[in-house]
C-alpha atoms as a PDB file:
ATOM      1  CA  MET A   1      -5.142  -4.888  35.324  1.00  0.00           C
ATOM      2  CA  ALA A   2      -6.641  -4.807  31.986  1.00  0.00           C
ATOM      3  CA  ALA A   3      -4.847  -6.361  29.292  1.00  0.00           C
ATOM      4  CA  SER A   4      -4.339  -3.904  26.475  1.00  0.00           C
ATOM      5  CA  PRO A   5      -5.807  -4.669  23.204  1.00  0.00           C
ATOM      6  CA  ARG A   6      -3.403  -6.647  20.691  1.00  0.00           C
ATOM      7  CA  GLU A   7      -3.232  -5.295  17.176  1.00  0.00           C
ATOM      8  CA  PRO A   8      -3.924  -7.973  14.847  1.00  0.00           C
ATOM      9  CA  SER A   9      -0.750  -9.570  13.001  1.00  0.00           C
ATOM     10  CA  LEU A  10      -0.006  -9.094   9.374  1.00  0.00           C
ATOM     11  CA  THR A  11      -0.605 -12.017   6.991  1.00  0.00           C
ATOM     12  CA  ARG A  12       2.469 -13.017   5.021  1.00  0.00           C
ATOM     13  CA  GLU A  13       0.837 -11.370   2.136  1.00  0.00           C
ATOM     14  CA  GLN A  14       0.606  -7.720   3.622  1.00  0.00           C
ATOM     15  CA  ARG A  15       3.776  -8.016   5.022  1.00  0.00           C
ATOM     16  CA  ARG A  16       5.103  -8.631   1.477  1.00  0.00           C
ATOM     17  CA  ALA A  17       2.767  -5.533  -0.060  1.00  0.00           C
ATOM     18  CA  LEU A  18       4.229  -3.464   2.970  1.00  0.00           C
ATOM     19  CA  GLY A  19       7.841  -4.577   2.321  1.00  0.00           C
ATOM     20  CA  LEU A  20       7.710  -3.452  -1.101  1.00  0.00           C
ATOM     21  CA  LEU A  21       5.865  -0.273  -0.539  1.00  0.00           C
ATOM     22  CA  ALA A  22       8.694   0.560   2.016  1.00  0.00           C
ATOM     23  CA  SER A  23      11.181  -0.078  -0.442  1.00  0.00           C
ATOM     24  CA  THR A  24       9.625   2.490  -3.092  1.00  0.00           C
ATOM     25  CA  PRO A  25      10.033   6.062  -1.667  1.00  0.00           C
ATOM     26  CA  TYR A  26       7.213   7.279  -4.053  1.00  0.00           C
ATOM     27  CA  GLY A  27       4.952   4.641  -4.169  1.00  0.00           C
ATOM     28  CA  VAL A  28       3.490   2.094  -6.437  1.00  0.00           C
ATOM     29  CA  ILE A  29       0.757   2.421  -8.755  1.00  0.00           C
ATOM     30  CA  GLU A  30      -2.080   0.226  -7.686  1.00  0.00           C
ATOM     31  CA  ASP A  31      -2.479  -1.695 -10.978  1.00  0.00           C
ATOM     32  CA  LEU A  32       1.200  -2.805 -10.751  1.00  0.00           C
ATOM     33  CA  LEU A  33       0.446  -3.984  -7.476  1.00  0.00           C
ATOM     34  CA  VAL A  34      -2.258  -6.110  -8.610  1.00  0.00           C
ATOM     35  CA  TYR A  35      -1.168  -7.249 -12.187  1.00  0.00           C
ATOM     36  CA  ALA A  36       2.632  -6.988 -11.999  1.00  0.00           C
ATOM     37  CA  TYR A  37       3.083  -8.074  -8.323  1.00  0.00           C
ATOM     38  CA  GLU A  38       0.062 -10.304  -8.474  1.00  0.00           C
ATOM     39  CA  PHE A  39      -1.512  -8.697  -4.960  1.00  0.00           C
ATOM     40  CA  ASP A  40      -5.166  -9.218  -4.281  1.00  0.00           C
ATOM     41  CA  GLY A  41      -6.964  -5.651  -4.572  1.00  0.00           C
ATOM     42  CA  ALA A  42      -8.758  -6.359  -1.277  1.00  0.00           C
ATOM     43  CA  ILE A  43      -5.086  -6.913   0.289  1.00  0.00           C
ATOM     44  CA  ILE A  44      -4.176  -3.412  -0.981  1.00  0.00           C
ATOM     45  CA  ALA A  45      -7.647  -1.934   0.161  1.00  0.00           C
ATOM     46  CA  GLY A  46      -7.144  -3.495   3.549  1.00  0.00           C
ATOM     47  CA  LEU A  47      -4.049  -1.994   3.951  1.00  0.00           C
ATOM     48  CA  VAL A  48      -5.096   1.561   3.352  1.00  0.00           C
ATOM     49  CA  ASP A  49      -8.439   0.646   5.471  1.00  0.00           C
ATOM     50  CA  GLU A  50      -6.206   0.191   8.154  1.00  0.00           C
ATOM     51  CA  GLY A  51      -4.188   3.158   7.911  1.00  0.00           C
ATOM     52  CA  LEU A  52      -1.074   1.274   6.926  1.00  0.00           C
ATOM     53  CA  ALA A  53      -0.758   2.410   3.544  1.00  0.00           C
ATOM     54  CA  THR A  54      -2.565   5.645   1.571  1.00  0.00           C
ATOM     55  CA  ALA A  55      -3.959   5.777  -1.806  1.00  0.00           C
ATOM     56  CA  HIS A  56      -3.825   9.034  -3.847  1.00  0.00           C
ATOM     57  CA  ARG A  57      -5.305   9.840  -7.393  1.00  0.00           C
ATOM     58  CA  GLU A  58      -2.515  11.005 -10.042  1.00  0.00           C
ATOM     59  CA  ILE A  59      -3.091  12.279 -13.502  1.00  0.00           C
ATOM     60  CA  LEU A  60       0.002  11.365 -15.571  1.00  0.00           C
ATOM     61  CA  GLY A  61       0.511  13.016 -18.765  1.00  0.00           C
ATOM     62  CA  ALA A  62       2.571  11.665 -21.712  1.00  0.00           C
ATOM     63  CA  SER A  63       4.221  14.112 -24.339  1.00  0.00           C
ATOM     64  CA  ASP A  64       1.455  13.336 -26.887  1.00  0.00           C
ATOM     65  CA  GLY A  65      -0.908  15.089 -24.592  1.00  0.00           C
ATOM     66  CA  THR A  66      -3.089  12.209 -23.557  1.00  0.00           C
ATOM     67  CA  THR A  67      -3.297  11.570 -19.631  1.00  0.00           C
ATOM     68  CA  ILE A  68      -4.040   8.899 -17.593  1.00  0.00           C
ATOM     69  CA  GLU A  69      -5.447   8.390 -14.042  1.00  0.00           C
ATOM     70  CA  VAL A  70      -3.818   6.079 -11.729  1.00  0.00           C
ATOM     71  CA  ILE A  71      -3.905   5.251  -7.915  1.00  0.00           C
ATOM     72  CA  ARG A  72      -0.596   5.657  -6.081  1.00  0.00           C
ATOM     73  CA  ILE A  73      -0.108   3.640  -3.018  1.00  0.00           C
ATOM     74  CA  ARG A  74       2.346   4.646  -0.426  1.00  0.00           C
ATOM     75  CA  ILE A  75       3.229   3.337   2.940  1.00  0.00           C
ATOM     76  CA  ARG A  76       2.496   5.402   6.000  1.00  0.00           C
ATOM     77  CA  ASP A  77       4.355   5.367   9.154  1.00  0.00           C
ATOM     78  CA  ALA A  78       2.163   3.142  10.638  1.00  0.00           C
ATOM     79  CA  GLY A  79       2.800   0.638   8.254  1.00  0.00           C
ATOM     80  CA  ARG A  80       6.572   0.740   8.624  1.00  0.00           C
ATOM     81  CA  GLN A  81       5.736   0.244  12.444  1.00  0.00           C
ATOM     82  CA  ALA A  82       4.076  -2.689  11.859  1.00  0.00           C
ATOM     83  CA  LEU A  83       6.749  -4.201   9.771  1.00  0.00           C
ATOM     84  CA  GLU A  84       8.910  -3.950  12.638  1.00  0.00           C
ATOM     85  CA  GLY A  85       6.648  -5.309  15.169  1.00  0.00           C
END
């Protein structure tokens, strides 16, 4: 009987990032994850590459007509399952 391939375990930082994303229903802007929460950008990119989180571009507008483009990171169901496992 062949052994099933084991999913790689999450690092402490990956687990911390997914936990934060799981607690925010609308996701977190990538720059906040990097600068305010001090996550390495490679950690965030890795979660997206592994299918545990998604990244979506958004344009945010201010009342004065200016806009800014941001990347919003959200946890996926696979990320929630990885946290439980």
